[in-house]
Amino acid sequence: MAAVILQKDFVGFYVICVYRNEAVEKKLSPALLELLKGKTCFHVKKPDDRLRKDIGEKIYRERGWA
């Protein structure tokens, strides 16, 4: 399950599969981990192609969601 929320200074990207799942967290790129605030929320201030690729490949495709 995932959700997106628009905030004033960032877009919050909530990815529930990251919560308490070290195997998923270990697969995330360092750039994506820098955006992780709290347990499941990524604060994206400026998306770029690398982040789109990381989110698409590491979170969705590997889990068979896309």
N, C-alpha and C. Protein backbone atom coordinates (compact mmCIF):
# COMPACT_ATOMS: atom_id res chain seq x y z
N MET A 1 0.84 -1.16 0.00
CA MET A 1 0.00 0.00 0.00
C MET A 1 0.89 1.23 0.00
N ALA A 2 0.50 2.22 -0.77
CA ALA A 2 1.24 3.47 -0.85
C ALA A 2 0.25 4.63 -0.97
N ALA A 3 0.71 5.80 -0.57
CA ALA A 3 -0.13 6.99 -0.66
C ALA A 3 0.75 8.20 -0.89
N VAL A 4 0.16 9.23 -1.46
CA VAL A 4 0.87 10.47 -1.71
C VAL A 4 0.06 11.61 -1.09
N ILE A 5 0.75 12.53 -0.44
CA ILE A 5 0.10 13.69 0.14
C ILE A 5 0.91 14.94 -0.23
N LEU A 6 0.22 15.96 -0.71
CA LEU A 6 0.88 17.20 -1.08
C LEU A 6 0.96 18.11 0.14
N GLN A 7 2.17 18.52 0.48
CA GLN A 7 2.41 19.45 1.57
C GLN A 7 2.94 20.75 0.99
N LYS A 8 3.13 21.75 1.82
CA LYS A 8 3.59 23.05 1.34
C LYS A 8 4.98 22.99 0.71
N ASP A 9 5.91 22.30 1.37
CA ASP A 9 7.31 22.29 0.92
C ASP A 9 7.78 20.97 0.32
N PHE A 10 6.92 19.96 0.31
CA PHE A 10 7.34 18.66 -0.20
C PHE A 10 6.12 17.82 -0.53
N VAL A 11 6.39 16.72 -1.22
CA VAL A 11 5.37 15.71 -1.46
C VAL A 11 5.70 14.54 -0.56
N GLY A 12 4.77 14.12 0.25
CA GLY A 12 4.97 12.96 1.12
C GLY A 12 4.56 11.70 0.38
N PHE A 13 5.48 10.78 0.28
CA PHE A 13 5.25 9.50 -0.40
C PHE A 13 5.32 8.43 0.68
N TYR A 14 4.18 7.91 1.07
CA TYR A 14 4.08 6.92 2.13
C TYR A 14 4.08 5.51 1.53
N VAL A 15 5.03 4.70 1.94
CA VAL A 15 5.15 3.34 1.43
C VAL A 15 5.15 2.40 2.63
N ILE A 16 4.04 1.73 2.82
CA ILE A 16 3.84 0.92 4.01
C ILE A 16 4.77 -0.31 4.04
N CYS A 17 5.16 -0.83 2.88
CA CYS A 17 6.00 -2.04 2.87
C CYS A 17 7.39 -1.81 3.46
N VAL A 18 7.79 -0.56 3.63
CA VAL A 18 9.09 -0.25 4.21
C VAL A 18 9.07 -0.43 5.73
N TYR A 19 7.91 -0.26 6.34
CA TYR A 19 7.78 -0.32 7.79
C TYR A 19 8.16 -1.69 8.34
N ARG A 20 9.14 -1.69 9.21
CA ARG A 20 9.62 -2.90 9.88
C ARG A 20 10.02 -4.01 8.91
N ASN A 21 10.53 -3.64 7.76
CA ASN A 21 10.95 -4.61 6.76
C ASN A 21 12.38 -4.26 6.34
N GLU A 22 13.33 -4.78 7.06
CA GLU A 22 14.73 -4.46 6.79
C GLU A 22 15.18 -4.93 5.43
N ALA A 23 14.61 -6.01 4.92
CA ALA A 23 14.99 -6.52 3.60
C ALA A 23 14.66 -5.49 2.52
N VAL A 24 13.51 -4.87 2.61
CA VAL A 24 13.13 -3.84 1.64
C VAL A 24 13.99 -2.60 1.83
N GLU A 25 14.20 -2.20 3.06
CA GLU A 25 14.98 -1.01 3.33
C GLU A 25 16.42 -1.15 2.84
N LYS A 26 17.00 -2.34 2.94
CA LYS A 26 18.36 -2.56 2.47
C LYS A 26 18.48 -2.43 0.96
N LYS A 27 17.40 -2.65 0.24
CA LYS A 27 17.42 -2.56 -1.22
C LYS A 27 17.29 -1.13 -1.73
N LEU A 28 16.92 -0.20 -0.87
CA LEU A 28 16.73 1.18 -1.30
C LEU A 28 18.07 1.86 -1.51
N SER A 29 18.11 2.75 -2.49
CA SER A 29 19.35 3.47 -2.78
C SER A 29 19.63 4.48 -1.67
N PRO A 30 20.89 4.89 -1.53
CA PRO A 30 21.23 5.91 -0.52
C PRO A 30 20.47 7.21 -0.76
N ALA A 31 20.26 7.58 -2.01
CA ALA A 31 19.53 8.82 -2.31
C ALA A 31 18.09 8.73 -1.82
N LEU A 32 17.48 7.59 -1.97
CA LEU A 32 16.11 7.40 -1.51
C LEU A 32 16.04 7.33 0.01
N LEU A 33 17.01 6.69 0.63
CA LEU A 33 17.04 6.60 2.10
C LEU A 33 17.20 7.97 2.76
N GLU A 34 17.89 8.89 2.09
CA GLU A 34 18.05 10.24 2.63
C GLU A 34 16.71 10.94 2.75
N LEU A 35 15.75 10.56 1.92
CA LEU A 35 14.44 11.19 1.93
C LEU A 35 13.47 10.55 2.91
N LEU A 36 13.85 9.42 3.49
CA LEU A 36 12.98 8.71 4.42
C LEU A 36 12.93 9.45 5.75
N LYS A 37 11.75 9.90 6.08
CA LYS A 37 11.52 10.61 7.34
C LYS A 37 10.53 9.79 8.15
N GLY A 38 10.90 9.39 9.31
CA GLY A 38 10.03 8.53 10.10
C GLY A 38 10.17 7.09 9.63
N LYS A 39 9.06 6.35 9.69
CA LYS A 39 9.12 4.92 9.39
C LYS A 39 8.69 4.57 7.98
N THR A 40 7.80 5.35 7.38
CA THR A 40 7.28 4.98 6.07
C THR A 40 7.19 6.13 5.08
N CYS A 41 7.53 7.34 5.48
CA CYS A 41 7.29 8.50 4.62
C CYS A 41 8.58 9.05 4.02
N PHE A 42 8.56 9.20 2.71
CA PHE A 42 9.65 9.86 1.99
C PHE A 42 9.20 11.28 1.70
N HIS A 43 10.03 12.28 2.04
CA HIS A 43 9.73 13.67 1.75
C HIS A 43 10.49 14.05 0.48
N VAL A 44 9.77 14.21 -0.60
CA VAL A 44 10.37 14.53 -1.90
C VAL A 44 10.16 16.01 -2.17
N LYS A 45 11.26 16.75 -2.23
CA LYS A 45 11.18 18.18 -2.51
C LYS A 45 11.40 18.48 -3.98
N LYS A 46 12.27 17.71 -4.61
CA LYS A 46 12.55 17.93 -6.03
C LYS A 46 12.79 16.58 -6.69
N PRO A 47 11.79 16.05 -7.38
CA PRO A 47 11.97 14.74 -8.01
C PRO A 47 12.94 14.82 -9.19
N ASP A 48 13.67 13.78 -9.40
CA ASP A 48 14.52 13.68 -10.58
C ASP A 48 14.41 12.27 -11.14
N ASP A 49 15.03 12.05 -12.27
CA ASP A 49 14.91 10.75 -12.94
C ASP A 49 15.45 9.61 -12.08
N ARG A 50 16.52 9.87 -11.33
CA ARG A 50 17.10 8.81 -10.50
C ARG A 50 16.11 8.37 -9.42
N LEU A 51 15.44 9.33 -8.78
CA LEU A 51 14.46 8.98 -7.74
C LEU A 51 13.26 8.25 -8.34
N ARG A 52 12.81 8.68 -9.50
CA ARG A 52 11.69 7.99 -10.16
C ARG A 52 12.07 6.55 -10.46
N LYS A 53 13.28 6.34 -10.92
CA LYS A 53 13.74 5.00 -11.23
C LYS A 53 13.84 4.15 -9.96
N ASP A 54 14.40 4.74 -8.90
CA ASP A 54 14.53 4.01 -7.63
C ASP A 54 13.16 3.61 -7.09
N ILE A 55 12.23 4.52 -7.11
CA ILE A 55 10.89 4.22 -6.59
C ILE A 55 10.21 3.17 -7.46
N GLY A 56 10.31 3.32 -8.76
CA GLY A 56 9.67 2.37 -9.67
C GLY A 56 10.27 0.99 -9.60
N GLU A 57 11.59 0.89 -9.57
CA GLU A 57 12.24 -0.41 -9.59
C GLU A 57 12.30 -1.06 -8.21
N LYS A 58 12.71 -0.33 -7.22
CA LYS A 58 12.96 -0.92 -5.91
C LYS A 58 11.68 -1.18 -5.13
N ILE A 59 10.69 -0.35 -5.31
CA ILE A 59 9.49 -0.50 -4.51
C ILE A 59 8.39 -1.23 -5.26
N TYR A 60 8.18 -0.91 -6.51
CA TYR A 60 7.04 -1.47 -7.23
C TYR A 60 7.38 -2.71 -8.05
N ARG A 61 8.33 -2.63 -8.94
CA ARG A 61 8.61 -3.74 -9.85
C ARG A 61 9.10 -4.99 -9.12
N GLU A 62 10.00 -4.82 -8.15
CA GLU A 62 10.52 -5.98 -7.44
C GLU A 62 9.45 -6.72 -6.64
N ARG A 63 8.38 -6.02 -6.30
CA ARG A 63 7.30 -6.64 -5.55
C ARG A 63 6.18 -7.12 -6.48
N GLY A 64 6.37 -6.91 -7.79
CA GLY A 64 5.39 -7.35 -8.77
C GLY A 64 4.15 -6.46 -8.85
N TRP A 65 4.27 -5.20 -8.43
CA TRP A 65 3.13 -4.30 -8.43
C TRP A 65 2.99 -3.55 -9.74
N ALA A 66 4.02 -3.53 -10.57
CA ALA A 66 3.95 -2.76 -11.82
C ALA A 66 4.32 -3.64 -12.99
